Amino acid sequence: MTPTTFASKLSRRALVACAAIGFAALSTGCATVSAPTDVASTIAKTPSLSTLSGLLASAGLTETLKTGGPYTVFAPSDDAFKAVPAKTMDDLAKHPEKLKDVLTYHVLNGQSNAASIKNSKVKTLNGADLELSKAGDFVTVESAAVTTADVTASNGVVHIIDTVLLPPKK
């Protein structure tokens, strides 16, 4: 085999190998891209928010959080709900209007990413004020700390918090 023939075969093999690698990279890269989902679906697909997702459905708020917005949701984690006394959870289960009141106390109209939060009082969907505080990158909502900020949704943002907030009595 002459050096020219050998180089020609090597070039074809290299070209085929490069094409195969390029195709594989392109096809796997496209398969992993997903569009953001609405707030309710984002909560539903987050494993640490399964309790909240179920309670939103029980209170009839899932559709609201799917179609409206934009919203900012301060979403209590499953561990936060475990810390709520059983008596309180039973009371909320028996009184859907109270449950809805508690859940809407965690939701703001408009989208507030962690970077835009300032020390202030804001109006929640249930009409009560909620106190937000920020020190550096650390954000608190009343007595709750934001443990995971800026979970983006197509119609807002979700911030996971470590405490269930109870609205003031009306």
N, C-alpha and C. Protein backbone atom coordinates (compact mmCIF):
# COMPACT_ATOMS: atom_id res chain seq x y z
N MET A 1 0.86 -1.16 0.00
CA MET A 1 0.00 0.00 0.00
C MET A 1 0.90 1.22 0.00
N THR A 2 0.57 2.16 -0.86
CA THR A 2 1.38 3.37 -0.98
C THR A 2 0.99 4.35 0.13
N PRO A 3 1.88 5.27 0.47
CA PRO A 3 1.54 6.26 1.50
C PRO A 3 0.32 7.07 1.14
N THR A 4 0.08 7.36 -0.13
CA THR A 4 -1.08 8.15 -0.54
C THR A 4 -2.37 7.38 -0.31
N THR A 5 -2.39 6.08 -0.64
CA THR A 5 -3.58 5.24 -0.44
C THR A 5 -3.88 5.10 1.04
N PHE A 6 -2.82 4.87 1.84
CA PHE A 6 -3.00 4.75 3.29
C PHE A 6 -3.60 6.04 3.88
N ALA A 7 -3.09 7.19 3.48
CA ALA A 7 -3.57 8.48 3.97
C ALA A 7 -5.02 8.72 3.54
N SER A 8 -5.37 8.29 2.33
CA SER A 8 -6.71 8.46 1.82
C SER A 8 -7.70 7.63 2.64
N LYS A 9 -7.36 6.34 2.95
CA LYS A 9 -8.23 5.48 3.76
C LYS A 9 -8.36 6.03 5.18
N LEU A 10 -7.23 6.52 5.73
CA LEU A 10 -7.25 7.08 7.07
C LEU A 10 -8.14 8.33 7.13
N SER A 11 -8.09 9.15 6.10
CA SER A 11 -8.91 10.37 6.07
C SER A 11 -10.39 10.02 6.01
N ARG A 12 -10.76 9.00 5.21
CA ARG A 12 -12.17 8.60 5.13
C ARG A 12 -12.64 8.06 6.47
N ARG A 13 -11.83 7.24 7.12
CA ARG A 13 -12.20 6.69 8.44
C ARG A 13 -12.36 7.82 9.46
N ALA A 14 -11.44 8.76 9.44
CA ALA A 14 -11.51 9.88 10.38
C ALA A 14 -12.77 10.71 10.12
N LEU A 15 -13.10 10.92 8.86
CA LEU A 15 -14.28 11.69 8.50
C LEU A 15 -15.55 10.98 8.98
N VAL A 16 -15.64 9.66 8.78
CA VAL A 16 -16.80 8.89 9.21
C VAL A 16 -16.91 8.92 10.73
N ALA A 17 -15.78 8.76 11.44
CA ALA A 17 -15.78 8.77 12.90
C ALA A 17 -16.22 10.13 13.42
N CYS A 18 -15.71 11.19 12.84
CA CYS A 18 -16.09 12.54 13.27
C CYS A 18 -17.57 12.81 13.03
N ALA A 19 -18.07 12.35 11.91
CA ALA A 19 -19.48 12.53 11.60
C ALA A 19 -20.36 11.79 12.61
N ALA A 20 -19.96 10.56 12.96
CA ALA A 20 -20.73 9.77 13.93
C ALA A 20 -20.72 10.43 15.30
N ILE A 21 -19.57 10.91 15.72
CA ILE A 21 -19.47 11.59 17.02
C ILE A 21 -20.30 12.86 17.02
N GLY A 22 -20.23 13.62 15.94
CA GLY A 22 -21.00 14.85 15.83
C GLY A 22 -22.50 14.60 15.88
N PHE A 23 -22.96 13.57 15.18
CA PHE A 23 -24.38 13.23 15.18
C PHE A 23 -24.83 12.80 16.57
N ALA A 24 -24.02 11.99 17.24
CA ALA A 24 -24.38 11.53 18.58
C ALA A 24 -24.46 12.71 19.55
N ALA A 25 -23.51 13.61 19.47
CA ALA A 25 -23.52 14.78 20.36
C ALA A 25 -24.72 15.67 20.08
N LEU A 26 -25.03 15.86 18.83
CA LEU A 26 -26.16 16.71 18.45
C LEU A 26 -27.48 16.10 18.91
N SER A 27 -27.67 14.81 18.70
CA SER A 27 -28.94 14.18 19.05
C SER A 27 -29.14 14.09 20.56
N THR A 28 -28.08 13.83 21.33
CA THR A 28 -28.27 13.78 22.78
C THR A 28 -28.42 15.17 23.36
N GLY A 29 -27.79 16.15 22.78
CA GLY A 29 -27.93 17.53 23.27
C GLY A 29 -29.34 18.02 23.11
N CYS A 30 -30.00 17.71 22.04
CA CYS A 30 -31.36 18.17 21.80
C CYS A 30 -32.36 17.44 22.68
N ALA A 31 -32.08 16.20 23.02
CA ALA A 31 -33.03 15.42 23.80
C ALA A 31 -33.14 15.90 25.24
N THR A 32 -32.13 16.59 25.76
CA THR A 32 -32.15 16.98 27.16
C THR A 32 -32.75 18.37 27.39
N VAL A 33 -33.06 19.10 26.36
CA VAL A 33 -33.62 20.44 26.52
C VAL A 33 -35.11 20.32 26.80
N SER A 34 -35.58 20.97 27.90
CA SER A 34 -37.01 20.96 28.18
C SER A 34 -37.47 22.37 28.50
N ALA A 35 -38.69 22.65 28.14
CA ALA A 35 -39.25 23.98 28.38
C ALA A 35 -39.73 24.07 29.83
N PRO A 36 -39.68 25.26 30.43
CA PRO A 36 -40.20 25.40 31.79
C PRO A 36 -41.70 25.09 31.82
N THR A 37 -42.15 24.56 32.95
CA THR A 37 -43.57 24.26 33.11
C THR A 37 -44.19 25.30 34.04
N ASP A 38 -45.52 25.29 34.13
CA ASP A 38 -46.22 26.25 34.98
C ASP A 38 -45.90 26.00 36.45
N VAL A 39 -46.28 26.93 37.31
CA VAL A 39 -45.96 26.86 38.74
C VAL A 39 -46.50 25.57 39.37
N ALA A 40 -47.76 25.23 39.12
CA ALA A 40 -48.35 24.04 39.72
C ALA A 40 -47.61 22.77 39.29
N SER A 41 -47.27 22.67 38.01
CA SER A 41 -46.54 21.50 37.52
C SER A 41 -45.12 21.46 38.04
N THR A 42 -44.50 22.63 38.19
CA THR A 42 -43.15 22.70 38.75
C THR A 42 -43.17 22.19 40.19
N ILE A 43 -44.16 22.59 40.97
CA ILE A 43 -44.30 22.10 42.34
C ILE A 43 -44.55 20.60 42.34
N ALA A 44 -45.43 20.13 41.45
CA ALA A 44 -45.77 18.71 41.40
C ALA A 44 -44.57 17.83 41.04
N LYS A 45 -43.67 18.33 40.22
CA LYS A 45 -42.53 17.50 39.80
C LYS A 45 -41.32 17.63 40.72
N THR A 46 -41.43 18.46 41.77
CA THR A 46 -40.34 18.62 42.74
C THR A 46 -40.60 17.66 43.90
N PRO A 47 -39.76 16.64 44.08
CA PRO A 47 -40.03 15.62 45.10
C PRO A 47 -40.21 16.17 46.52
N SER A 48 -39.49 17.19 46.90
CA SER A 48 -39.60 17.71 48.27
C SER A 48 -40.85 18.57 48.49
N LEU A 49 -41.68 18.72 47.45
CA LEU A 49 -42.90 19.52 47.56
C LEU A 49 -44.16 18.69 47.34
N SER A 50 -44.09 17.40 47.55
CA SER A 50 -45.24 16.53 47.27
C SER A 50 -46.43 16.84 48.19
N THR A 51 -46.17 17.15 49.45
CA THR A 51 -47.27 17.49 50.37
C THR A 51 -47.98 18.75 49.89
N LEU A 52 -47.20 19.77 49.56
CA LEU A 52 -47.79 21.02 49.06
C LEU A 52 -48.61 20.76 47.80
N SER A 53 -48.08 19.97 46.90
CA SER A 53 -48.79 19.67 45.65
C SER A 53 -50.16 19.04 45.94
N GLY A 54 -50.20 18.09 46.85
CA GLY A 54 -51.46 17.45 47.21
C GLY A 54 -52.44 18.41 47.86
N LEU A 55 -51.92 19.29 48.72
CA LEU A 55 -52.79 20.26 49.39
C LEU A 55 -53.33 21.30 48.42
N LEU A 56 -52.52 21.70 47.45
CA LEU A 56 -53.00 22.64 46.42
C LEU A 56 -54.17 22.02 45.66
N ALA A 57 -54.04 20.74 45.34
CA ALA A 57 -55.13 20.05 44.64
C ALA A 57 -56.37 19.98 45.52
N SER A 58 -56.20 19.64 46.81
CA SER A 58 -57.34 19.57 47.75
C SER A 58 -58.05 20.90 47.89
N ALA A 59 -57.30 21.98 47.84
CA ALA A 59 -57.88 23.32 48.01
C ALA A 59 -58.42 23.89 46.70
N GLY A 60 -58.25 23.18 45.59
CA GLY A 60 -58.73 23.67 44.30
C GLY A 60 -57.88 24.78 43.71
N LEU A 61 -56.59 24.84 44.08
CA LEU A 61 -55.72 25.92 43.61
C LEU A 61 -54.81 25.51 42.45
N THR A 62 -54.79 24.24 42.11
CA THR A 62 -53.88 23.78 41.06
C THR A 62 -54.15 24.49 39.74
N GLU A 63 -55.38 24.56 39.34
CA GLU A 63 -55.71 25.19 38.04
C GLU A 63 -55.34 26.66 38.03
N THR A 64 -55.57 27.35 39.14
CA THR A 64 -55.19 28.76 39.24
C THR A 64 -53.69 28.93 38.99
N LEU A 65 -52.88 28.08 39.62
CA LEU A 65 -51.42 28.19 39.48
C LEU A 65 -50.91 27.65 38.15
N LYS A 66 -51.76 26.97 37.41
CA LYS A 66 -51.38 26.51 36.07
C LYS A 66 -51.62 27.59 35.02
N THR A 67 -52.70 28.34 35.19
CA THR A 67 -53.13 29.22 34.10
C THR A 67 -52.90 30.70 34.35
N GLY A 68 -52.88 31.14 35.58
CA GLY A 68 -52.73 32.57 35.86
C GLY A 68 -51.27 32.96 35.97
N GLY A 69 -51.08 34.11 36.58
CA GLY A 69 -49.72 34.52 36.86
C GLY A 69 -49.35 35.81 36.19
N PRO A 70 -48.12 36.20 36.37
CA PRO A 70 -47.08 35.44 37.05
C PRO A 70 -47.27 35.45 38.56
N TYR A 71 -46.73 34.38 39.21
CA TYR A 71 -46.81 34.22 40.64
C TYR A 71 -45.42 34.01 41.23
N THR A 72 -45.30 34.37 42.49
CA THR A 72 -44.16 33.98 43.30
C THR A 72 -44.73 33.11 44.40
N VAL A 73 -44.24 31.87 44.51
CA VAL A 73 -44.73 30.95 45.52
C VAL A 73 -43.60 30.65 46.50
N PHE A 74 -43.87 30.88 47.78
CA PHE A 74 -42.96 30.47 48.84
C PHE A 74 -43.48 29.11 49.29
N ALA A 75 -42.86 28.07 48.79
CA ALA A 75 -43.37 26.70 48.89
C ALA A 75 -42.76 25.95 50.07
N PRO A 76 -43.58 25.66 51.10
CA PRO A 76 -43.06 24.88 52.22
C PRO A 76 -42.70 23.45 51.78
N SER A 77 -41.55 23.00 52.23
CA SER A 77 -41.09 21.64 51.90
C SER A 77 -41.91 20.61 52.68
N ASP A 78 -41.76 19.35 52.30
CA ASP A 78 -42.43 18.26 53.02
C ASP A 78 -42.01 18.27 54.50
N ASP A 79 -40.72 18.53 54.76
CA ASP A 79 -40.25 18.60 56.15
C ASP A 79 -40.92 19.73 56.92
N ALA A 80 -41.20 20.84 56.25
CA ALA A 80 -41.89 21.95 56.90
C ALA A 80 -43.30 21.52 57.32
N PHE A 81 -43.98 20.77 56.47
CA PHE A 81 -45.33 20.30 56.82
C PHE A 81 -45.29 19.28 57.95
N LYS A 82 -44.23 18.48 58.02
CA LYS A 82 -44.10 17.50 59.11
C LYS A 82 -43.98 18.20 60.47
N ALA A 83 -43.46 19.42 60.48
CA ALA A 83 -43.28 20.17 61.73
C ALA A 83 -44.57 20.84 62.22
N VAL A 84 -45.60 20.87 61.37
CA VAL A 84 -46.88 21.47 61.77
C VAL A 84 -47.59 20.48 62.69
N PRO A 85 -48.11 20.96 63.84
CA PRO A 85 -48.82 20.04 64.74
C PRO A 85 -49.96 19.30 64.03
N ALA A 86 -50.12 18.03 64.37
CA ALA A 86 -51.16 17.20 63.75
C ALA A 86 -52.54 17.81 63.91
N LYS A 87 -52.79 18.43 65.07
CA LYS A 87 -54.09 19.06 65.33
C LYS A 87 -54.37 20.16 64.30
N THR A 88 -53.35 20.94 63.98
CA THR A 88 -53.51 22.02 63.00
C THR A 88 -53.79 21.45 61.62
N MET A 89 -53.04 20.40 61.24
CA MET A 89 -53.24 19.78 59.92
C MET A 89 -54.63 19.16 59.82
N ASP A 90 -55.10 18.53 60.90
CA ASP A 90 -56.45 17.95 60.91
C ASP A 90 -57.50 19.04 60.73
N ASP A 91 -57.31 20.17 61.41
CA ASP A 91 -58.24 21.28 61.31
C ASP A 91 -58.29 21.81 59.87
N LEU A 92 -57.12 21.93 59.24
CA LEU A 92 -57.08 22.40 57.85
C LEU A 92 -57.76 21.41 56.92
N ALA A 93 -57.60 20.12 57.18
CA ALA A 93 -58.24 19.10 56.35
C ALA A 93 -59.77 19.15 56.46
N LYS A 94 -60.27 19.51 57.65
CA LYS A 94 -61.71 19.58 57.88
C LYS A 94 -62.33 20.87 57.37
N HIS A 95 -61.51 21.90 57.18
CA HIS A 95 -62.01 23.22 56.78
C HIS A 95 -61.26 23.70 55.54
N PRO A 96 -61.77 23.35 54.35
CA PRO A 96 -61.09 23.71 53.10
C PRO A 96 -60.85 25.22 52.94
N GLU A 97 -61.74 26.05 53.49
CA GLU A 97 -61.55 27.50 53.37
C GLU A 97 -60.32 27.95 54.17
N LYS A 98 -60.06 27.32 55.32
CA LYS A 98 -58.86 27.63 56.11
C LYS A 98 -57.61 27.17 55.37
N LEU A 99 -57.69 25.97 54.77
CA LEU A 99 -56.56 25.44 54.00
C LEU A 99 -56.22 26.38 52.84
N LYS A 100 -57.24 26.83 52.13
CA LYS A 100 -57.03 27.75 51.01
C LYS A 100 -56.42 29.06 51.50
N ASP A 101 -56.86 29.53 52.66
CA ASP A 101 -56.34 30.76 53.24
C ASP A 101 -54.84 30.61 53.57
N VAL A 102 -54.46 29.47 54.15
CA VAL A 102 -53.05 29.22 54.49
C VAL A 102 -52.21 29.13 53.22
N LEU A 103 -52.70 28.40 52.23
CA LEU A 103 -51.92 28.21 51.00
C LEU A 103 -51.76 29.51 50.21
N THR A 104 -52.81 30.31 50.12
CA THR A 104 -52.70 31.57 49.37
C THR A 104 -51.86 32.61 50.12
N TYR A 105 -51.62 32.38 51.42
CA TYR A 105 -50.71 33.23 52.18
C TYR A 105 -49.26 33.04 51.74
N HIS A 106 -49.00 31.97 51.00
CA HIS A 106 -47.65 31.66 50.50
C HIS A 106 -47.45 32.13 49.06
N VAL A 107 -48.43 32.82 48.48
CA VAL A 107 -48.38 33.18 47.05
C VAL A 107 -48.53 34.69 46.88
N LEU A 108 -47.66 35.25 46.02
CA LEU A 108 -47.73 36.66 45.66
C LEU A 108 -48.08 36.79 44.18
N ASN A 109 -48.80 37.85 43.84
CA ASN A 109 -48.97 38.19 42.43
C ASN A 109 -47.66 38.78 41.94
N GLY A 110 -47.25 38.44 40.74
CA GLY A 110 -46.01 38.95 40.18
C GLY A 110 -44.85 38.00 40.44
N GLN A 111 -43.80 38.19 39.70
CA GLN A 111 -42.62 37.33 39.83
C GLN A 111 -41.51 38.06 40.55
N SER A 112 -41.07 37.51 41.68
CA SER A 112 -39.98 38.10 42.47
C SER A 112 -38.85 37.08 42.61
N ASN A 113 -37.83 37.24 41.81
CA ASN A 113 -36.65 36.40 41.96
C ASN A 113 -35.90 36.83 43.21
N ALA A 114 -35.07 35.95 43.75
CA ALA A 114 -34.36 36.25 45.00
C ALA A 114 -33.56 37.55 44.91
N ALA A 115 -32.94 37.79 43.78
CA ALA A 115 -32.13 39.00 43.62
C ALA A 115 -32.96 40.28 43.72
N SER A 116 -34.25 40.21 43.39
CA SER A 116 -35.08 41.41 43.41
C SER A 116 -35.80 41.63 44.74
N ILE A 117 -35.70 40.66 45.65
CA ILE A 117 -36.39 40.80 46.94
C ILE A 117 -35.67 41.83 47.81
N LYS A 118 -36.48 42.68 48.42
CA LYS A 118 -35.97 43.73 49.31
C LYS A 118 -36.68 43.59 50.66
N ASN A 119 -36.11 44.18 51.69
CA ASN A 119 -36.77 44.19 52.99
C ASN A 119 -38.06 44.99 52.85
N SER A 120 -39.19 44.30 52.95
CA SER A 120 -40.47 44.96 52.72
C SER A 120 -41.63 44.09 53.17
N LYS A 121 -42.80 44.70 53.16
CA LYS A 121 -44.04 43.95 53.36
C LYS A 121 -44.74 43.89 52.01
N VAL A 122 -45.25 42.72 51.69
CA VAL A 122 -45.94 42.52 50.41
C VAL A 122 -47.30 41.89 50.67
N LYS A 123 -48.22 42.14 49.75
CA LYS A 123 -49.59 41.61 49.85
C LYS A 123 -49.63 40.22 49.21
N THR A 124 -50.21 39.26 49.93
CA THR A 124 -50.34 37.90 49.42
C THR A 124 -51.69 37.73 48.72
N LEU A 125 -51.88 36.60 48.08
CA LEU A 125 -53.16 36.34 47.41
C LEU A 125 -54.33 36.31 48.39
N ASN A 126 -54.08 35.97 49.66
CA ASN A 126 -55.20 35.95 50.61
C ASN A 126 -55.48 37.33 51.20
N GLY A 127 -54.70 38.34 50.80
CA GLY A 127 -54.93 39.71 51.22
C GLY A 127 -54.12 40.17 52.42
N ALA A 128 -53.45 39.26 53.11
CA ALA A 128 -52.63 39.63 54.27
C ALA A 128 -51.24 40.05 53.83
N ASP A 129 -50.58 40.81 54.69
CA ASP A 129 -49.20 41.21 54.43
C ASP A 129 -48.24 40.12 54.86
N LEU A 130 -47.15 40.03 54.13
CA LEU A 130 -46.09 39.06 54.39
C LEU A 130 -44.79 39.85 54.44
N GLU A 131 -43.98 39.63 55.47
CA GLU A 131 -42.73 40.37 55.59
C GLU A 131 -41.58 39.62 54.96
N LEU A 132 -40.90 40.27 54.02
CA LEU A 132 -39.73 39.70 53.35
C LEU A 132 -38.49 40.41 53.87
N SER A 133 -37.42 39.64 54.07
CA SER A 133 -36.15 40.22 54.50
C SER A 133 -35.03 39.58 53.69
N LYS A 134 -33.98 40.37 53.49
CA LYS A 134 -32.84 39.87 52.73
C LYS A 134 -31.56 40.42 53.34
N ALA A 135 -30.59 39.52 53.54
CA ALA A 135 -29.26 39.89 54.00
C ALA A 135 -28.27 39.17 53.10
N GLY A 136 -27.65 39.91 52.21
CA GLY A 136 -26.77 39.27 51.22
C GLY A 136 -27.60 38.41 50.30
N ASP A 137 -27.28 37.14 50.21
CA ASP A 137 -28.06 36.20 49.40
C ASP A 137 -29.10 35.45 50.23
N PHE A 138 -29.14 35.69 51.54
CA PHE A 138 -30.03 34.98 52.45
C PHE A 138 -31.39 35.68 52.49
N VAL A 139 -32.45 34.94 52.14
CA VAL A 139 -33.80 35.50 52.10
C VAL A 139 -34.67 34.80 53.14
N THR A 140 -35.44 35.61 53.89
CA THR A 140 -36.42 35.05 54.82
C THR A 140 -37.79 35.62 54.49
N VAL A 141 -38.79 34.81 54.81
CA VAL A 141 -40.19 35.18 54.62
C VAL A 141 -40.86 34.95 55.97
N GLU A 142 -41.21 36.04 56.66
CA GLU A 142 -41.68 35.94 58.04
C GLU A 142 -40.62 35.15 58.83
N SER A 143 -40.98 33.99 59.39
CA SER A 143 -40.03 33.19 60.18
C SER A 143 -39.37 32.08 59.36
N ALA A 144 -39.67 32.00 58.10
CA ALA A 144 -39.15 30.92 57.25
C ALA A 144 -37.92 31.37 56.47
N ALA A 145 -37.00 30.45 56.30
CA ALA A 145 -35.81 30.70 55.48
C ALA A 145 -36.01 30.07 54.10
N VAL A 146 -35.59 30.79 53.07
CA VAL A 146 -35.61 30.22 51.72
C VAL A 146 -34.42 29.28 51.62
N THR A 147 -34.71 27.99 51.39
CA THR A 147 -33.64 26.99 51.30
C THR A 147 -33.21 26.75 49.86
N THR A 148 -34.13 26.92 48.93
CA THR A 148 -33.84 26.82 47.49
C THR A 148 -34.58 27.96 46.80
N ALA A 149 -33.83 28.84 46.17
CA ALA A 149 -34.43 30.01 45.53
C ALA A 149 -34.51 29.83 44.02
N ASP A 150 -35.43 30.57 43.42
CA ASP A 150 -35.49 30.75 41.97
C ASP A 150 -35.68 29.47 41.16
N VAL A 151 -36.64 28.65 41.55
CA VAL A 151 -37.03 27.51 40.72
C VAL A 151 -37.98 28.10 39.67
N THR A 152 -37.49 28.23 38.45
CA THR A 152 -38.21 28.95 37.41
C THR A 152 -39.37 28.12 36.85
N ALA A 153 -40.48 28.81 36.63
CA ALA A 153 -41.66 28.22 35.99
C ALA A 153 -42.07 29.14 34.84
N SER A 154 -42.92 28.64 33.96
CA SER A 154 -43.32 29.44 32.81
C SER A 154 -44.19 30.63 33.21
N ASN A 155 -44.85 30.54 34.36
CA ASN A 155 -45.71 31.64 34.80
C ASN A 155 -45.33 32.13 36.21
N GLY A 156 -44.04 32.09 36.51
CA GLY A 156 -43.60 32.61 37.80
C GLY A 156 -42.35 31.94 38.31
N VAL A 157 -42.21 31.97 39.64
CA VAL A 157 -41.02 31.41 40.29
C VAL A 157 -41.43 30.79 41.63
N VAL A 158 -40.73 29.74 42.01
CA VAL A 158 -40.97 29.04 43.27
C VAL A 158 -39.72 29.14 44.12
N HIS A 159 -39.91 29.50 45.39
CA HIS A 159 -38.82 29.50 46.37
C HIS A 159 -39.22 28.49 47.45
N ILE A 160 -38.38 27.50 47.69
CA ILE A 160 -38.69 26.49 48.71
C ILE A 160 -38.28 27.04 50.07
N ILE A 161 -39.21 26.93 51.04
CA ILE A 161 -38.97 27.44 52.39
C ILE A 161 -39.05 26.31 53.42
N ASP A 162 -38.50 26.58 54.62
CA ASP A 162 -38.39 25.53 55.63
C ASP A 162 -39.49 25.56 56.69
N THR A 163 -40.50 26.41 56.53
CA THR A 163 -41.55 26.57 57.54
C THR A 163 -42.88 26.84 56.85
N VAL A 164 -43.95 26.26 57.38
CA VAL A 164 -45.30 26.58 56.90
C VAL A 164 -45.71 27.87 57.60
N LEU A 165 -46.12 28.85 56.83
CA LEU A 165 -46.53 30.13 57.37
C LEU A 165 -48.04 30.13 57.64
N LEU A 166 -48.42 30.58 58.80
CA LEU A 166 -49.84 30.68 59.12
C LEU A 166 -50.25 32.14 59.10
N PRO A 167 -51.28 32.47 58.34
CA PRO A 167 -51.68 33.88 58.21
C PRO A 167 -52.23 34.41 59.53
N PRO A 168 -52.16 35.72 59.69
CA PRO A 168 -52.73 36.31 60.90
C PRO A 168 -54.24 36.11 60.90
N LYS A 169 -54.80 35.99 62.08
CA LYS A 169 -56.27 35.83 62.18
C LYS A 169 -56.95 37.09 61.71
N LYS A 170 -58.05 36.91 60.96
CA LYS A 170 -58.77 38.05 60.40
C LYS A 170 -59.77 38.58 61.39
